[in-house]
Amino acid sequence: MNSFLSKQPYGYSKVEIEDPEEMQHRKAQFLIYKALKKSDTVRKQPWLKVRVCKLKIKIGRRLKRFRKSILLTFNVSKGGVYKEFMSQLKSWKGLLKGRETMVSTTLPPMFT
């Protein structure tokens, strides 16, 4: 018990001073290990996923062009029709992104 109390509470043992060349070698080994581990986990994207992504971009561009053309055709007096149309267009865009489902856009909310 006496030897337990006589020790310093935060006594650390001394570590030998490491050679700078050895430190650099150890760091290089770690970086090589990290790069190899990363290369094992990286895979090619499936071709279907790439095609779907390209299709979404193509549809998005067409929707954007369509919206701009609608904006130019409607004048200020028909602003309500334009707003209605834009809300429908936004809901379709949400469906394409997969954020909403068809049921949630067609049914009114139960609790208001």
Foldseek 3Di string as FASTA:
>chain_A
DVVVVVDDPDDDDDDDDDDPVVVVVVVVVVVVVVVVVVVVPDDDDDPVVVVLVVVLVVVVVVLVVVLVVVVVVDDPVCVVVNVVVVVVSVVVNCVSVVNDDPVVVPDDDPPD
